[in-house]
Amino acid sequence: LSPQSSCFGSELNPKIIIESACYDSEANETILVLKRKIDSPDISEIGIIISNNQESTKFSCSNSCGTCTLLSAGERKTYYLANENLDDPKTLTITSNKCKIQSESIKNCNSN
């Protein structure tokens, strides 16, 4: 048998944490704040999936290509993600190596 890649533990001990996620309706973008743990050298890319009840949009972040640059170990970074074809986003999910890391409800940035 060949060794299998496992997602076990990716949600229990996430190496990247969603600190906040909100939708700015005036700019039509989702503002995402991520923090990467210092002990996370094995992450070379992340996927960001923004969805509403009907559809979703995916962004890819890596050191070599993608729609955004991957944050470094120990870094906190804010991403501004355009919602060009997605109305009223509800949920944001981050993945790494095709494993789900964390999901978060998207709040409204424009309400206090």
PDB file of N, CA and C in Angstrom:
ATOM      1  N   LEU A   1       0.835  -1.193   0.000  1.00  0.00           N
ATOM      2  CA  LEU A   1       0.000   0.000   0.000  1.00  0.00           C
ATOM      3  C   LEU A   1       0.875   1.250   0.000  1.00  0.00           C
ATOM      4  N   SER A   2       0.455   2.221  -0.771  1.00  0.00           N
ATOM      5  CA  SER A   2       1.199   3.484  -0.780  1.00  0.00           C
ATOM      6  C   SER A   2       0.650   4.410   0.296  1.00  0.00           C
ATOM      7  N   PRO A   3       1.492   5.269   0.842  1.00  0.00           N
ATOM      8  CA  PRO A   3       1.009   6.191   1.879  1.00  0.00           C
ATOM      9  C   PRO A   3      -0.014   7.159   1.287  1.00  0.00           C
ATOM     10  N   GLN A   4      -1.028   7.463   2.080  1.00  0.00           N
ATOM     11  CA  GLN A   4      -2.065   8.369   1.627  1.00  0.00           C
ATOM     12  C   GLN A   4      -1.934   9.704   2.341  1.00  0.00           C
ATOM     13  N   SER A   5      -2.219  10.766   1.589  1.00  0.00           N
ATOM     14  CA  SER A   5      -2.246  12.089   2.182  1.00  0.00           C
ATOM     15  C   SER A   5      -3.487  12.200   3.053  1.00  0.00           C
ATOM     16  N   SER A   6      -3.334  12.719   4.232  1.00  0.00           N
ATOM     17  CA  SER A   6      -4.454  12.800   5.149  1.00  0.00           C
ATOM     18  C   SER A   6      -4.707  14.244   5.554  1.00  0.00           C
ATOM     19  N   CYS A   7      -5.965  14.561   5.694  1.00  0.00           N
ATOM     20  CA  CYS A   7      -6.356  15.881   6.164  1.00  0.00           C
ATOM     21  C   CYS A   7      -6.579  15.885   7.668  1.00  0.00           C
ATOM     22  N   PHE A   8      -6.363  14.736   8.318  1.00  0.00           N
ATOM     23  CA  PHE A   8      -6.594  14.639   9.751  1.00  0.00           C
ATOM     24  C   PHE A   8      -5.758  15.676  10.499  1.00  0.00           C
ATOM     25  N   GLY A   9      -6.402  16.447  11.338  1.00  0.00           N
ATOM     26  CA  GLY A   9      -5.698  17.438  12.137  1.00  0.00           C
ATOM     27  C   GLY A   9      -5.634  18.818  11.525  1.00  0.00           C
ATOM     28  N   SER A  10      -5.954  18.951  10.238  1.00  0.00           N
ATOM     29  CA  SER A  10      -5.848  20.272   9.600  1.00  0.00           C
ATOM     30  C   SER A  10      -6.851  21.265  10.168  1.00  0.00           C
ATOM     31  N   GLU A  11      -8.015  20.772  10.621  1.00  0.00           N
ATOM     32  CA  GLU A  11      -8.987  21.662  11.250  1.00  0.00           C
ATOM     33  C   GLU A  11      -8.798  21.726  12.758  1.00  0.00           C
ATOM     34  N   LEU A  12      -8.244  20.663  13.346  1.00  0.00           N
ATOM     35  CA  LEU A  12      -8.048  20.636  14.793  1.00  0.00           C
ATOM     36  C   LEU A  12      -6.896  21.530  15.234  1.00  0.00           C
ATOM     37  N   ASN A  13      -5.858  21.591  14.418  1.00  0.00           N
ATOM     38  CA  ASN A  13      -4.687  22.407  14.731  1.00  0.00           C
ATOM     39  C   ASN A  13      -4.302  23.198  13.482  1.00  0.00           C
ATOM     40  N   PRO A  14      -5.118  24.199  13.119  1.00  0.00           N
ATOM     41  CA  PRO A  14      -4.854  24.925  11.871  1.00  0.00           C
ATOM     42  C   PRO A  14      -3.574  25.741  11.931  1.00  0.00           C
ATOM     43  N   LYS A  15      -2.827  25.717  10.827  1.00  0.00           N
ATOM     44  CA  LYS A  15      -1.594  26.503  10.729  1.00  0.00           C
ATOM     45  C   LYS A  15      -1.882  27.933  10.267  1.00  0.00           C
ATOM     46  N   ILE A  16      -3.040  28.123   9.649  1.00  0.00           N
ATOM     47  CA  ILE A  16      -3.484  29.458   9.236  1.00  0.00           C
ATOM     48  C   ILE A  16      -4.868  29.676   9.839  1.00  0.00           C
ATOM     49  N   ILE A  17      -5.070  30.840  10.451  1.00  0.00           N
ATOM     50  CA  ILE A  17      -6.306  31.136  11.165  1.00  0.00           C
ATOM     51  C   ILE A  17      -6.994  32.338  10.530  1.00  0.00           C
ATOM     52  N   ILE A  18      -8.308  32.219  10.330  1.00  0.00           N
ATOM     53  CA  ILE A  18      -9.105  33.364   9.879  1.00  0.00           C
ATOM     54  C   ILE A  18      -9.364  34.239  11.101  1.00  0.00           C
ATOM     55  N   GLU A  19      -8.801  35.445  11.107  1.00  0.00           N
ATOM     56  CA  GLU A  19      -9.057  36.363  12.218  1.00  0.00           C
ATOM     57  C   GLU A  19     -10.353  37.131  12.003  1.00  0.00           C
ATOM     58  N   SER A  20     -10.630  37.499  10.751  1.00  0.00           N
ATOM     59  CA  SER A  20     -11.902  38.155  10.437  1.00  0.00           C
ATOM     60  C   SER A  20     -12.176  38.042   8.944  1.00  0.00           C
ATOM     61  N   ALA A  21     -13.463  38.104   8.611  1.00  0.00           N
ATOM     62  CA  ALA A  21     -13.899  38.088   7.216  1.00  0.00           C
ATOM     63  C   ALA A  21     -15.163  38.926   7.135  1.00  0.00           C
ATOM     64  N   CYS A  22     -15.132  39.957   6.293  1.00  0.00           N
ATOM     65  CA  CYS A  22     -16.327  40.773   6.130  1.00  0.00           C
ATOM     66  C   CYS A  22     -16.474  41.213   4.682  1.00  0.00           C
ATOM     67  N   TYR A  23     -17.714  41.543   4.320  1.00  0.00           N
ATOM     68  CA  TYR A  23     -18.048  41.959   2.962  1.00  0.00           C
ATOM     69  C   TYR A  23     -18.281  43.459   2.947  1.00  0.00           C
ATOM     70  N   ASP A  24     -17.542  44.166   2.099  1.00  0.00           N
ATOM     71  CA  ASP A  24     -17.718  45.601   1.904  1.00  0.00           C
ATOM     72  C   ASP A  24     -18.581  45.785   0.658  1.00  0.00           C
ATOM     73  N   SER A  25     -19.868  46.076   0.870  1.00  0.00           N
ATOM     74  CA  SER A  25     -20.799  46.175  -0.250  1.00  0.00           C
ATOM     75  C   SER A  25     -20.519  47.383  -1.133  1.00  0.00           C
ATOM     76  N   GLU A  26     -19.944  48.445  -0.573  1.00  0.00           N
ATOM     77  CA  GLU A  26     -19.627  49.637  -1.376  1.00  0.00           C
ATOM     78  C   GLU A  26     -18.495  49.359  -2.366  1.00  0.00           C
ATOM     79  N   ALA A  27     -17.500  48.610  -1.942  1.00  0.00           N
ATOM     80  CA  ALA A  27     -16.372  48.273  -2.811  1.00  0.00           C
ATOM     81  C   ALA A  27     -16.585  46.923  -3.521  1.00  0.00           C
ATOM     82  N   ASN A  28     -17.627  46.198  -3.150  1.00  0.00           N
ATOM     83  CA  ASN A  28     -17.922  44.863  -3.669  1.00  0.00           C
ATOM     84  C   ASN A  28     -16.713  43.935  -3.527  1.00  0.00           C
ATOM     85  N   GLU A  29     -16.181  43.883  -2.288  1.00  0.00           N
ATOM     86  CA  GLU A  29     -15.046  42.999  -2.018  1.00  0.00           C
ATOM     87  C   GLU A  29     -15.163  42.405  -0.621  1.00  0.00           C
ATOM     88  N   THR A  30     -14.553  41.250  -0.460  1.00  0.00           N
ATOM     89  CA  THR A  30     -14.468  40.609   0.842  1.00  0.00           C
ATOM     90  C   THR A  30     -13.105  40.947   1.430  1.00  0.00           C
ATOM     91  N   ILE A  31     -13.104  41.415   2.669  1.00  0.00           N
ATOM     92  CA  ILE A  31     -11.863  41.754   3.365  1.00  0.00           C
ATOM     93  C   ILE A  31     -11.579  40.628   4.354  1.00  0.00           C
ATOM     94  N   LEU A  32     -10.443  39.994   4.168  1.00  0.00           N
ATOM     95  CA  LEU A  32     -10.064  38.820   4.936  1.00  0.00           C
ATOM     96  C   LEU A  32      -8.755  39.088   5.664  1.00  0.00           C
ATOM     97  N   VAL A  33      -8.733  38.812   6.975  1.00  0.00           N
ATOM     98  CA  VAL A  33      -7.503  38.920   7.755  1.00  0.00           C
ATOM     99  C   VAL A  33      -7.119  37.512   8.199  1.00  0.00           C
ATOM    100  N   LEU A  34      -5.928  37.081   7.768  1.00  0.00           N
ATOM    101  CA  LEU A  34      -5.401  35.761   8.118  1.00  0.00           C
ATOM    102  C   LEU A  34      -4.157  35.916   8.973  1.00  0.00           C
ATOM    103  N   LYS A  35      -3.936  34.948   9.846  1.00  0.00           N
ATOM    104  CA  LYS A  35      -2.695  34.879  10.613  1.00  0.00           C
ATOM    105  C   LYS A  35      -2.130  33.473  10.441  1.00  0.00           C
ATOM    106  N   ARG A  36      -0.839  33.425  10.124  1.00  0.00           N
ATOM    107  CA  ARG A  36      -0.160  32.142   9.943  1.00  0.00           C
ATOM    108  C   ARG A  36       0.733  31.876  11.146  1.00  0.00           C
ATOM    109  N   LYS A  37       0.620  30.677  11.692  1.00  0.00           N
ATOM    110  CA  LYS A  37       1.446  30.310  12.841  1.00  0.00           C
ATOM    111  C   LYS A  37       2.917  30.255  12.439  1.00  0.00           C
ATOM    112  N   ILE A  38       3.767  30.482  13.393  1.00  0.00           N
ATOM    113  CA  ILE A  38       5.212  30.511  13.142  1.00  0.00           C
ATOM    114  C   ILE A  38       5.731  29.128  12.750  1.00  0.00           C
ATOM    115  N   ASP A  39       5.105  28.060  13.261  1.00  0.00           N
ATOM    116  CA  ASP A  39       5.571  26.693  12.989  1.00  0.00           C
ATOM    117  C   ASP A  39       4.813  26.062  11.821  1.00  0.00           C
ATOM    118  N   SER A  40       4.813  26.746  10.690  1.00  0.00           N
ATOM    119  CA  SER A  40       4.061  26.239   9.532  1.00  0.00           C
ATOM    120  C   SER A  40       4.885  26.279   8.246  1.00  0.00           C
ATOM    121  N   PRO A  41       6.066  25.658   8.237  1.00  0.00           N
ATOM    122  CA  PRO A  41       6.913  25.722   7.049  1.00  0.00           C
ATOM    123  C   PRO A  41       6.406  24.886   5.881  1.00  0.00           C
ATOM    124  N   ASP A  42       5.472  23.950   6.146  1.00  0.00           N
ATOM    125  CA  ASP A  42       5.034  23.017   5.118  1.00  0.00           C
ATOM    126  C   ASP A  42       3.910  23.563   4.232  1.00  0.00           C
ATOM    127  N   ILE A  43       3.506  24.798   4.412  1.00  0.00           N
ATOM    128  CA  ILE A  43       2.428  25.370   3.603  1.00  0.00           C
ATOM    129  C   ILE A  43       3.032  26.186   2.467  1.00  0.00           C
ATOM    130  N   SER A  44       2.731  25.782   1.231  1.00  0.00           N
ATOM    131  CA  SER A  44       3.253  26.505   0.074  1.00  0.00           C
ATOM    132  C   SER A  44       2.142  27.173  -0.730  1.00  0.00           C
ATOM    133  N   GLU A  45       0.888  26.813  -0.420  1.00  0.00           N
ATOM    134  CA  GLU A  45      -0.246  27.440  -1.092  1.00  0.00           C
ATOM    135  C   GLU A  45      -1.485  27.306  -0.220  1.00  0.00           C
ATOM    136  N   ILE A  46      -2.407  28.258  -0.408  1.00  0.00           N
ATOM    137  CA  ILE A  46      -3.723  28.140   0.213  1.00  0.00           C
ATOM    138  C   ILE A  46      -4.782  28.487  -0.823  1.00  0.00           C
ATOM    139  N   GLY A  47      -5.933  27.918  -0.640  1.00  0.00           N
ATOM    140  CA  GLY A  47      -7.094  28.262  -1.444  1.00  0.00           C
ATOM    141  C   GLY A  47      -8.076  29.018  -0.579  1.00  0.00           C
ATOM    142  N   ILE A  48      -8.727  29.995  -1.151  1.00  0.00           N
ATOM    143  CA  ILE A  48      -9.750  30.767  -0.447  1.00  0.00           C
ATOM    144  C   ILE A  48     -11.029  30.641  -1.265  1.00  0.00           C
ATOM    145  N   ILE A  49     -12.067  30.114  -0.651  1.00  0.00           N
ATOM    146  CA  ILE A  49     -13.344  29.915  -1.336  1.00  0.00           C
ATOM    147  C   ILE A  49     -14.385  30.801  -0.669  1.00  0.00           C
ATOM    148  N   ILE A  50     -14.986  31.677  -1.465  1.00  0.00           N
ATOM    149  CA  ILE A  50     -16.050  32.554  -0.980  1.00  0.00           C
ATOM    150  C   ILE A  50     -17.342  32.077  -1.628  1.00  0.00           C
ATOM    151  N   SER A  51     -18.382  31.857  -0.809  1.00  0.00           N
ATOM    152  CA  SER A  51     -19.621  31.339  -1.376  1.00  0.00           C
ATOM    153  C   SER A  51     -20.852  31.990  -0.755  1.00  0.00           C
ATOM    154  N   ASN A  52     -21.909  31.990  -1.550  1.00  0.00           N
ATOM    155  CA  ASN A  52     -23.220  32.343  -1.036  1.00  0.00           C
ATOM    156  C   ASN A  52     -24.063  31.074  -1.108  1.00  0.00           C
ATOM    157  N   ASN A  53     -25.351  31.177  -1.102  1.00  0.00           N
ATOM    158  CA  ASN A  53     -26.172  29.968  -1.098  1.00  0.00           C
ATOM    159  C   ASN A  53     -26.228  29.262  -2.449  1.00  0.00           C
ATOM    160  N   GLN A  54     -25.845  29.944  -3.546  1.00  0.00           N
ATOM    161  CA  GLN A  54     -25.957  29.345  -4.877  1.00  0.00           C
ATOM    162  C   GLN A  54     -24.626  29.050  -5.565  1.00  0.00           C
ATOM    163  N   GLU A  55     -23.619  29.880  -5.352  1.00  0.00           N
ATOM    164  CA  GLU A  55     -22.382  29.751  -6.122  1.00  0.00           C
ATOM    165  C   GLU A  55     -21.168  30.131  -5.275  1.00  0.00           C
ATOM    166  N   SER A  56     -19.974  29.906  -5.855  1.00  0.00           N
ATOM    167  CA  SER A  56     -18.750  30.235  -5.123  1.00  0.00           C
ATOM    168  C   SER A  56     -17.670  30.728  -6.077  1.00  0.00           C
ATOM    169  N   THR A  57     -16.700  31.419  -5.505  1.00  0.00           N
ATOM    170  CA  THR A  57     -15.534  31.914  -6.225  1.00  0.00           C
ATOM    171  C   THR A  57     -14.302  31.442  -5.469  1.00  0.00           C
ATOM    172  N   LYS A  58     -13.267  31.000  -6.199  1.00  0.00           N
ATOM    173  CA  LYS A  58     -12.057  30.502  -5.557  1.00  0.00           C
ATOM    174  C   LYS A  58     -10.864  31.367  -5.924  1.00  0.00           C
ATOM    175  N   PHE A  59     -10.045  31.650  -4.928  1.00  0.00           N
ATOM    176  CA  PHE A  59      -8.788  32.377  -5.099  1.00  0.00           C
ATOM    177  C   PHE A  59      -7.664  31.444  -4.679  1.00  0.00           C
ATOM    178  N   SER A  60      -6.519  31.583  -5.320  1.00  0.00           N
ATOM    179  CA  SER A  60      -5.354  30.780  -4.991  1.00  0.00           C
ATOM    180  C   SER A  60      -4.215  31.695  -4.575  1.00  0.00           C
ATOM    181  N   CYS A  61      -3.592  31.382  -3.450  1.00  0.00           N
ATOM    182  CA  CYS A  61      -2.455  32.169  -2.963  1.00  0.00           C
ATOM    183  C   CYS A  61      -1.247  31.252  -2.814  1.00  0.00           C
ATOM    184  N   SER A  62      -0.129  31.672  -3.403  1.00  0.00           N
ATOM    185  CA  SER A  62       1.099  30.898  -3.262  1.00  0.00           C
ATOM    186  C   SER A  62       2.289  31.840  -3.402  1.00  0.00           C
ATOM    187  N   ASN A  63       3.475  31.276  -3.238  1.00  0.00           N
ATOM    188  CA  ASN A  63       4.690  32.078  -3.398  1.00  0.00           C
ATOM    189  C   ASN A  63       5.091  32.223  -4.859  1.00  0.00           C
ATOM    190  N   SER A  64       4.544  31.372  -5.726  1.00  0.00           N
ATOM    191  CA  SER A  64       4.977  31.388  -7.119  1.00  0.00           C
ATOM    192  C   SER A  64       3.929  31.910  -8.097  1.00  0.00           C
ATOM    193  N   CYS A  65       2.661  31.653  -7.820  1.00  0.00           N
ATOM    194  CA  CYS A  65       1.617  32.125  -8.727  1.00  0.00           C
ATOM    195  C   CYS A  65       0.300  32.182  -7.977  1.00  0.00           C
ATOM    196  N   GLY A  66      -0.739  32.602  -8.657  1.00  0.00           N
ATOM    197  CA  GLY A  66      -2.052  32.692  -8.036  1.00  0.00           C
ATOM    198  C   GLY A  66      -2.543  34.120  -8.062  1.00  0.00           C
ATOM    199  N   THR A  67      -3.713  34.316  -7.486  1.00  0.00           N
ATOM    200  CA  THR A  67      -4.318  35.642  -7.491  1.00  0.00           C
ATOM    201  C   THR A  67      -3.879  36.486  -6.304  1.00  0.00           C
ATOM    202  N   CYS A  68      -3.142  35.902  -5.370  1.00  0.00           N
ATOM    203  CA  CYS A  68      -2.626  36.667  -4.231  1.00  0.00           C
ATOM    204  C   CYS A  68      -1.356  36.003  -3.705  1.00  0.00           C
ATOM    205  N   THR A  69      -0.603  36.719  -2.911  1.00  0.00           N
ATOM    206  CA  THR A  69       0.663  36.233  -2.370  1.00  0.00           C
ATOM    207  C   THR A  69       0.437  35.587  -1.003  1.00  0.00           C
ATOM    208  N   LEU A  70       1.044  34.452  -0.782  1.00  0.00           N
ATOM    209  CA  LEU A  70       0.919  33.715   0.472  1.00  0.00           C
ATOM    210  C   LEU A  70       1.616  34.455   1.602  1.00  0.00           C
ATOM    211  N   LEU A  71       0.960  34.517   2.760  1.00  0.00           N
ATOM    212  CA  LEU A  71       1.591  35.157   3.911  1.00  0.00           C
ATOM    213  C   LEU A  71       2.698  34.273   4.466  1.00  0.00           C
ATOM    214  N   SER A  72       3.707  34.896   5.048  1.00  0.00           N
ATOM    215  CA  SER A  72       4.863  34.187   5.595  1.00  0.00           C
ATOM    216  C   SER A  72       4.550  33.630   6.975  1.00  0.00           C
ATOM    217  N   ALA A  73       5.363  32.684   7.435  1.00  0.00           N
ATOM    218  CA  ALA A  73       5.201  32.112   8.773  1.00  0.00           C
ATOM    219  C   ALA A  73       5.283  33.224   9.815  1.00  0.00           C
ATOM    220  N   GLY A  74       4.325  33.238  10.743  1.00  0.00           N
ATOM    221  CA  GLY A  74       4.272  34.243  11.787  1.00  0.00           C
ATOM    222  C   GLY A  74       3.643  35.566  11.374  1.00  0.00           C
ATOM    223  N   GLU A  75       3.246  35.694  10.127  1.00  0.00           N
ATOM    224  CA  GLU A  75       2.725  36.964   9.607  1.00  0.00           C
ATOM    225  C   GLU A  75       1.205  37.038   9.711  1.00  0.00           C
ATOM    226  N   ARG A  76       0.686  38.262   9.870  1.00  0.00           N
ATOM    227  CA  ARG A  76      -0.740  38.574   9.764  1.00  0.00           C
ATOM    228  C   ARG A  76      -0.898  39.408   8.504  1.00  0.00           C
ATOM    229  N   LYS A  77      -1.890  39.071   7.679  1.00  0.00           N
ATOM    230  CA  LYS A  77      -2.040  39.758   6.407  1.00  0.00           C
ATOM    231  C   LYS A  77      -3.514  39.994   6.089  1.00  0.00           C
ATOM    232  N   THR A  78      -3.795  41.155   5.488  1.00  0.00           N
ATOM    233  CA  THR A  78      -5.142  41.490   5.051  1.00  0.00           C
ATOM    234  C   THR A  78      -5.225  41.319   3.542  1.00  0.00           C
ATOM    235  N   TYR A  79      -6.252  40.599   3.099  1.00  0.00           N
ATOM    236  CA  TYR A  79      -6.502  40.375   1.680  1.00  0.00           C
ATOM    237  C   TYR A  79      -7.800  41.081   1.289  1.00  0.00           C
ATOM    238  N   TYR A  80      -7.788  41.734   0.140  1.00  0.00           N
ATOM    239  CA  TYR A  80      -8.970  42.387  -0.417  1.00  0.00           C
ATOM    240  C   TYR A  80      -9.347  41.605  -1.675  1.00  0.00           C
ATOM    241  N   LEU A  81     -10.424  40.853  -1.599  1.00  0.00           N
ATOM    242  CA  LEU A  81     -10.801  39.924  -2.660  1.00  0.00           C
ATOM    243  C   LEU A  81     -12.054  40.415  -3.373  1.00  0.00           C
ATOM    244  N   ALA A  82     -11.942  40.678  -4.667  1.00  0.00           N
ATOM    245  CA  ALA A  82     -13.056  41.205  -5.453  1.00  0.00           C
ATOM    246  C   ALA A  82     -14.144  40.155  -5.628  1.00  0.00           C
ATOM    247  N   ASN A  83     -15.375  40.573  -5.432  1.00  0.00           N
ATOM    248  CA  ASN A  83     -16.535  39.687  -5.602  1.00  0.00           C
ATOM    249  C   ASN A  83     -17.221  40.009  -6.920  1.00  0.00           C
ATOM    250  N   GLU A  84     -16.520  39.865  -8.013  1.00  0.00           N
ATOM    251  CA  GLU A  84     -17.020  40.297  -9.317  1.00  0.00           C
ATOM    252  C   GLU A  84     -18.297  39.583  -9.743  1.00  0.00           C
ATOM    253  N   ASN A  85     -18.386  38.294  -9.544  1.00  0.00           N
ATOM    254  CA  ASN A  85     -19.544  37.533 -10.017  1.00  0.00           C
ATOM    255  C   ASN A  85     -20.314  36.870  -8.883  1.00  0.00           C
ATOM    256  N   LEU A  86     -20.171  37.395  -7.675  1.00  0.00           N
ATOM    257  CA  LEU A  86     -20.789  36.758  -6.518  1.00  0.00           C
ATOM    258  C   LEU A  86     -21.508  37.804  -5.679  1.00  0.00           C
ATOM    259  N   ASP A  87     -22.828  37.681  -5.592  1.00  0.00           N
ATOM    260  CA  ASP A  87     -23.615  38.611  -4.798  1.00  0.00           C
ATOM    261  C   ASP A  87     -23.806  38.083  -3.383  1.00  0.00           C
ATOM    262  N   ASP A  88     -23.710  38.975  -2.417  1.00  0.00           N
ATOM    263  CA  ASP A  88     -24.021  38.678  -1.027  1.00  0.00           C
ATOM    264  C   ASP A  88     -23.313  37.432  -0.500  1.00  0.00           C
ATOM    265  N   PRO A  89     -21.967  37.455  -0.426  1.00  0.00           N
ATOM    266  CA  PRO A  89     -21.232  36.280   0.059  1.00  0.00           C
ATOM    267  C   PRO A  89     -21.561  35.977   1.518  1.00  0.00           C
ATOM    268  N   LYS A  90     -21.642  34.697   1.836  1.00  0.00           N
ATOM    269  CA  LYS A  90     -22.049  34.256   3.176  1.00  0.00           C
ATOM    270  C   LYS A  90     -20.944  33.550   3.956  1.00  0.00           C
ATOM    271  N   THR A  91     -20.120  32.745   3.239  1.00  0.00           N
ATOM    272  CA  THR A  91     -19.147  31.890   3.917  1.00  0.00           C
ATOM    273  C   THR A  91     -17.796  31.967   3.226  1.00  0.00           C
ATOM    274  N   LEU A  92     -16.731  31.919   4.029  1.00  0.00           N
ATOM    275  CA  LEU A  92     -15.374  31.899   3.508  1.00  0.00           C
ATOM    276  C   LEU A  92     -14.687  30.658   4.070  1.00  0.00           C
ATOM    277  N   THR A  93     -14.029  29.900   3.198  1.00  0.00           N
ATOM    278  CA  THR A  93     -13.313  28.694   3.607  1.00  0.00           C
ATOM    279  C   THR A  93     -11.879  28.785   3.101  1.00  0.00           C
ATOM    280  N   ILE A  94     -10.924  28.414   3.957  1.00  0.00           N
ATOM    281  CA  ILE A  94      -9.534  28.337   3.507  1.00  0.00           C
ATOM    282  C   ILE A  94      -9.120  26.861   3.485  1.00  0.00           C
ATOM    283  N   THR A  95      -8.326  26.527   2.458  1.00  0.00           N
ATOM    284  CA  THR A  95      -7.835  25.160   2.273  1.00  0.00           C
ATOM    285  C   THR A  95      -6.324  25.194   2.034  1.00  0.00           C
ATOM    286  N   SER A  96      -5.679  24.073   2.283  1.00  0.00           N
ATOM    287  CA  SER A  96      -4.270  23.909   1.956  1.00  0.00           C
ATOM    288  C   SER A  96      -4.053  22.451   1.601  1.00  0.00           C
ATOM    289  N   ASN A  97      -3.342  22.218   0.506  1.00  0.00           N
ATOM    290  CA  ASN A  97      -3.117  20.849   0.018  1.00  0.00           C
ATOM    291  C   ASN A  97      -4.438  20.082  -0.112  1.00  0.00           C
ATOM    292  N   LYS A  98      -5.467  20.764  -0.573  1.00  0.00           N
ATOM    293  CA  LYS A  98      -6.807  20.208  -0.800  1.00  0.00           C
ATOM    294  C   LYS A  98      -7.514  19.777   0.475  1.00  0.00           C
ATOM    295  N   CYS A  99      -7.020  20.220   1.633  1.00  0.00           N
ATOM    296  CA  CYS A  99      -7.663  19.925   2.913  1.00  0.00           C
ATOM    297  C   CYS A  99      -8.284  21.204   3.463  1.00  0.00           C
ATOM    298  N   LYS A 100      -9.502  21.090   3.958  1.00  0.00           N
ATOM    299  CA  LYS A 100     -10.156  22.240   4.580  1.00  0.00           C
ATOM    300  C   LYS A 100      -9.443  22.580   5.881  1.00  0.00           C
ATOM    301  N   ILE A 101      -9.137  23.865   6.058  1.00  0.00           N
ATOM    302  CA  ILE A 101      -8.491  24.307   7.285  1.00  0.00           C
ATOM    303  C   ILE A 101      -9.513  24.949   8.220  1.00  0.00           C
ATOM    304  N   GLN A 102     -10.304  25.882   7.677  1.00  0.00           N
ATOM    305  CA  GLN A 102     -11.250  26.610   8.515  1.00  0.00           C
ATOM    306  C   GLN A 102     -12.318  27.259   7.646  1.00  0.00           C
ATOM    307  N   SER A 103     -13.536  27.395   8.195  1.00  0.00           N
ATOM    308  CA  SER A 103     -14.612  28.149   7.551  1.00  0.00           C
ATOM    309  C   SER A 103     -15.114  29.196   8.526  1.00  0.00           C
ATOM    310  N   GLU A 104     -15.600  30.282   7.968  1.00  0.00           N
ATOM    311  CA  GLU A 104     -16.070  31.394   8.800  1.00  0.00           C
ATOM    312  C   GLU A 104     -17.221  32.079   8.084  1.00  0.00           C
ATOM    313  N   SER A 105     -18.213  32.525   8.843  1.00  0.00           N
ATOM    314  CA  SER A 105     -19.294  33.340   8.275  1.00  0.00           C
ATOM    315  C   SER A 105     -18.743  34.712   7.948  1.00  0.00           C
ATOM    316  N   ILE A 106     -19.188  35.259   6.828  1.00  0.00           N
ATOM    317  CA  ILE A 106     -18.744  36.585   6.403  1.00  0.00           C
ATOM    318  C   ILE A 106     -19.716  37.616   6.954  1.00  0.00           C
ATOM    319  N   LYS A 107     -19.185  38.570   7.706  1.00  0.00           N
ATOM    320  CA  LYS A 107     -19.989  39.635   8.277  1.00  0.00           C
ATOM    321  C   LYS A 107     -20.074  40.808   7.313  1.00  0.00           C
ATOM    322  N   ASN A 108     -20.902  41.776   7.596  1.00  0.00           N
ATOM    323  CA  ASN A 108     -21.018  42.982   6.799  1.00  0.00           C
ATOM    324  C   ASN A 108     -20.046  44.023   7.352  1.00  0.00           C
ATOM    325  N   CYS A 109     -19.088  44.494   6.560  1.00  0.00           N
ATOM    326  CA  CYS A 109     -18.116  45.498   6.994  1.00  0.00           C
ATOM    327  C   CYS A 109     -18.774  46.868   7.220  1.00  0.00           C
ATOM    328  N   ASN A 110     -19.870  47.126   6.506  1.00  0.00           N
ATOM    329  CA  ASN A 110     -20.470  48.448   6.496  1.00  0.00           C
ATOM    330  C   ASN A 110     -21.427  48.700   7.662  1.00  0.00           C
ATOM    331  N   SER A 111     -21.721  47.683   8.474  1.00  0.00           N
ATOM    332  CA  SER A 111     -22.606  47.896   9.618  1.00  0.00           C
ATOM    333  C   SER A 111     -21.794  47.903  10.904  1.00  0.00           C
ATOM    334  N   ASN A 112     -22.233  48.709  11.833  1.00  0.00           N
ATOM    335  CA  ASN A 112     -21.506  48.821  13.104  1.00  0.00           C
ATOM    336  C   ASN A 112     -22.138  47.939  14.154  1.00  0.00           C
TER     337      ASN A 112
END
